[in-house]
């Protein structure tokens, strides 16, 4: 019959792209968008591993093993998901554990909150 079959190599047609107008966002996958994603700070809603959570806590001189944080997650004390056998927790929840409590002055609250109610 013949020799081994060769797989076809599909190539993208060369794009004859015109330069983008000034002020337009860069195209997806371009070098400009990849660099911008790396420069953005991590969001509080990001899912992080238990090891990363332990590192965040240890940076604040609060030392916990990743297993301890995992037990908090299993108990429902911190929100978590499990993917591929690994558990992930929310970055914002871990940072909130070491953040100082918010202080609100009574004068900043609604004015009628501390008034006496009529009988």
C-alpha atoms as a PDB file:
ATOM      1  CA  UNK A   1       0.000   0.000   0.000  1.00  0.00           C
ATOM      2  CA  UNK A   2       2.490   2.623   0.985  1.00  0.00           C
ATOM      3  CA  UNK A   3       4.464   4.149   3.768  1.00  0.00           C
ATOM      4  CA  UNK A   4       3.146   5.632   6.987  1.00  0.00           C
ATOM      5  CA  UNK A   5       0.586   8.353   6.630  1.00  0.00           C
ATOM      6  CA  UNK A   6       1.648  11.868   7.400  1.00  0.00           C
ATOM      7  CA  UNK A   7      -0.611  14.143   9.356  1.00  0.00           C
ATOM      8  CA  UNK A   8      -1.630  17.338   7.646  1.00  0.00           C
ATOM      9  CA  UNK A   9      -0.231  20.446   9.217  1.00  0.00           C
ATOM     10  CA  UNK A  10      -2.817  23.169   9.378  1.00  0.00           C
ATOM     11  CA  UNK A  11      -1.436  26.663   9.346  1.00  0.00           C
ATOM     12  CA  UNK A  12      -3.188  29.903   9.985  1.00  0.00           C
ATOM     13  CA  UNK A  13      -3.354  32.197   7.006  1.00  0.00           C
ATOM     14  CA  UNK A  14      -1.018  35.126   7.429  1.00  0.00           C
ATOM     15  CA  UNK A  15      -3.035  38.061   8.621  1.00  0.00           C
ATOM     16  CA  UNK A  16      -2.575  41.355   6.890  1.00  0.00           C
ATOM     17  CA  UNK A  17      -3.636  43.298   9.936  1.00  0.00           C
ATOM     18  CA  UNK A  18      -3.837  47.028   9.733  1.00  0.00           C
ATOM     19  CA  UNK A  19      -2.568  48.982  12.706  1.00  0.00           C
ATOM     20  CA  UNK A  20      -5.178  49.568  15.369  1.00  0.00           C
ATOM     21  CA  UNK A  21      -6.534  53.085  15.755  1.00  0.00           C
ATOM     22  CA  UNK A  22      -5.026  55.187  18.510  1.00  0.00           C
ATOM     23  CA  UNK A  23      -6.618  54.510  21.885  1.00  0.00           C
ATOM     24  CA  UNK A  24      -8.041  51.130  20.874  1.00  0.00           C
ATOM     25  CA  UNK A  25      -7.400  48.244  23.278  1.00  0.00           C
ATOM     26  CA  UNK A  26      -4.766  45.752  22.132  1.00  0.00           C
ATOM     27  CA  UNK A  27      -5.909  42.530  20.527  1.00  0.00           C
ATOM     28  CA  UNK A  28      -6.409  39.469  22.724  1.00  0.00           C
ATOM     29  CA  UNK A  29      -3.285  37.360  22.979  1.00  0.00           C
ATOM     30  CA  UNK A  30      -1.006  40.206  21.983  1.00  0.00           C
ATOM     31  CA  UNK A  31       2.105  41.002  23.955  1.00  0.00           C
ATOM     32  CA  UNK A  32       0.461  44.121  25.403  1.00  0.00           C
ATOM     33  CA  UNK A  33      -2.431  42.203  26.972  1.00  0.00           C
ATOM     34  CA  UNK A  34      -0.211  39.454  28.366  1.00  0.00           C
ATOM     35  CA  UNK A  35       2.047  42.007  30.064  1.00  0.00           C
ATOM     36  CA  UNK A  36      -0.920  43.880  31.498  1.00  0.00           C
ATOM     37  CA  UNK A  37      -2.344  40.737  33.109  1.00  0.00           C
ATOM     38  CA  UNK A  38       0.956  40.059  34.837  1.00  0.00           C
ATOM     39  CA  UNK A  39       1.115  43.613  36.199  1.00  0.00           C
ATOM     40  CA  UNK A  40      -2.361  43.551  37.786  1.00  0.00           C
ATOM     41  CA  UNK A  41      -2.483  42.939  41.540  1.00  0.00           C
ATOM     42  CA  UNK A  42      -4.182  39.745  42.662  1.00  0.00           C
ATOM     43  CA  UNK A  43      -7.891  40.089  43.324  1.00  0.00           C
ATOM     44  CA  UNK A  44      -9.477  39.182  46.643  1.00  0.00           C
ATOM     45  CA  UNK A  45     -11.718  36.716  44.838  1.00  0.00           C
ATOM     46  CA  UNK A  46      -8.774  34.693  43.520  1.00  0.00           C
ATOM     47  CA  UNK A  47      -8.587  31.069  44.630  1.00  0.00           C
ATOM     48  CA  UNK A  48      -5.242  30.184  46.223  1.00  0.00           C
ATOM     49  CA  UNK A  49      -3.763  26.931  47.460  1.00  0.00           C
ATOM     50  CA  UNK A  50      -3.546  26.102  51.150  1.00  0.00           C
ATOM     51  CA  UNK A  51       0.230  26.579  50.985  1.00  0.00           C
ATOM     52  CA  UNK A  52      -0.194  30.100  49.584  1.00  0.00           C
ATOM     53  CA  UNK A  53      -2.726  30.857  52.319  1.00  0.00           C
ATOM     54  CA  UNK A  54      -0.227  29.717  54.952  1.00  0.00           C
ATOM     55  CA  UNK A  55       2.403  32.007  53.385  1.00  0.00           C
ATOM     56  CA  UNK A  56       0.044  35.003  53.526  1.00  0.00           C
ATOM     57  CA  UNK A  57      -0.633  34.323  57.197  1.00  0.00           C
ATOM     58  CA  UNK A  58       3.044  33.775  58.019  1.00  0.00           C
ATOM     59  CA  UNK A  59       3.907  37.129  56.400  1.00  0.00           C
ATOM     60  CA  UNK A  60       1.796  38.663  59.181  1.00  0.00           C
ATOM     61  CA  UNK A  61       3.554  36.567  61.862  1.00  0.00           C
ATOM     62  CA  UNK A  62       0.573  34.250  62.196  1.00  0.00           C
ATOM     63  CA  UNK A  63       1.858  30.735  61.631  1.00  0.00           C
ATOM     64  CA  UNK A  64      -0.518  27.951  60.599  1.00  0.00           C
ATOM     65  CA  UNK A  65       0.184  24.771  58.707  1.00  0.00           C
ATOM     66  CA  UNK A  66      -1.655  24.272  55.402  1.00  0.00           C
ATOM     67  CA  UNK A  67      -3.361  21.253  56.998  1.00  0.00           C
ATOM     68  CA  UNK A  68      -4.893  23.540  59.637  1.00  0.00           C
ATOM     69  CA  UNK A  69      -6.270  25.867  56.973  1.00  0.00           C
ATOM     70  CA  UNK A  70      -7.612  22.794  55.162  1.00  0.00           C
ATOM     71  CA  UNK A  71      -9.443  21.705  58.283  1.00  0.00           C
ATOM     72  CA  UNK A  72     -10.991  25.187  58.561  1.00  0.00           C
ATOM     73  CA  UNK A  73     -12.128  24.832  54.950  1.00  0.00           C
ATOM     74  CA  UNK A  74     -13.642  21.393  55.555  1.00  0.00           C
ATOM     75  CA  UNK A  75     -15.426  22.728  58.641  1.00  0.00           C
ATOM     76  CA  UNK A  76     -16.841  25.622  56.620  1.00  0.00           C
ATOM     77  CA  UNK A  77     -14.979  28.365  58.485  1.00  0.00           C
ATOM     78  CA  UNK A  78     -13.471  29.623  55.211  1.00  0.00           C
ATOM     79  CA  UNK A  79     -14.979  29.243  51.755  1.00  0.00           C
ATOM     80  CA  UNK A  80     -13.207  26.635  49.638  1.00  0.00           C
ATOM     81  CA  UNK A  81     -13.418  24.541  46.506  1.00  0.00           C
ATOM     82  CA  UNK A  82     -11.765  21.275  45.633  1.00  0.00           C
ATOM     83  CA  UNK A  83     -10.308  20.742  42.157  1.00  0.00           C
ATOM     84  CA  UNK A  84      -8.311  17.721  41.120  1.00  0.00           C
ATOM     85  CA  UNK A  85      -7.870  16.567  44.694  1.00  0.00           C
ATOM     86  CA  UNK A  86      -6.470  19.944  45.813  1.00  0.00           C
ATOM     87  CA  UNK A  87      -8.323  22.413  47.999  1.00  0.00           C
ATOM     88  CA  UNK A  88      -8.366  26.143  47.251  1.00  0.00           C
ATOM     89  CA  UNK A  89      -9.496  29.042  49.464  1.00  0.00           C
ATOM     90  CA  UNK A  90     -10.280  32.675  48.674  1.00  0.00           C
ATOM     91  CA  UNK A  91      -7.398  35.119  49.016  1.00  0.00           C
ATOM     92  CA  UNK A  92      -9.671  37.823  50.474  1.00  0.00           C
ATOM     93  CA  UNK A  93     -10.916  35.582  53.275  1.00  0.00           C
ATOM     94  CA  UNK A  94      -7.367  34.689  54.314  1.00  0.00           C
ATOM     95  CA  UNK A  95      -6.277  38.335  54.250  1.00  0.00           C
ATOM     96  CA  UNK A  96      -9.359  39.260  56.292  1.00  0.00           C
ATOM     97  CA  UNK A  97      -8.138  36.951  59.061  1.00  0.00           C
ATOM     98  CA  UNK A  98      -5.117  39.176  59.670  1.00  0.00           C
ATOM     99  CA  UNK A  99      -6.663  42.545  58.755  1.00  0.00           C
ATOM    100  CA  UNK A 100      -7.488  44.885  61.622  1.00  0.00           C
ATOM    101  CA  UNK A 101     -11.213  45.235  62.308  1.00  0.00           C
ATOM    102  CA  UNK A 102     -12.955  48.137  60.621  1.00  0.00           C
ATOM    103  CA  UNK A 103     -13.821  50.915  62.999  1.00  0.00           C
ATOM    104  CA  UNK A 104     -16.871  53.022  62.301  1.00  0.00           C
ATOM    105  CA  UNK A 105     -17.732  56.124  64.251  1.00  0.00           C
ATOM    106  CA  UNK A 106     -21.268  56.313  65.587  1.00  0.00           C
ATOM    107  CA  UNK A 107     -21.675  59.737  63.979  1.00  0.00           C
ATOM    108  CA  UNK A 108     -21.091  58.170  60.534  1.00  0.00           C
ATOM    109  CA  UNK A 109     -24.064  55.822  60.967  1.00  0.00           C
ATOM    110  CA  UNK A 110     -27.646  56.708  60.195  1.00  0.00           C
ATOM    111  CA  UNK A 111     -28.770  59.537  62.465  1.00  0.00           C
ATOM    112  CA  UNK A 112     -31.990  57.871  63.603  1.00  0.00           C
ATOM    113  CA  UNK A 113     -30.257  54.685  64.653  1.00  0.00           C
ATOM    114  CA  UNK A 114     -29.564  55.775  68.235  1.00  0.00           C
ATOM    115  CA  UNK A 115     -32.678  57.819  68.895  1.00  0.00           C
ATOM    116  CA  UNK A 116     -35.257  56.662  71.373  1.00  0.00           C
ATOM    117  CA  UNK A 117     -38.336  55.042  69.925  1.00  0.00           C
ATOM    118  CA  UNK A 118     -41.714  56.558  70.911  1.00  0.00           C
ATOM    119  CA  UNK A 119     -43.854  54.346  73.105  1.00  0.00           C
END
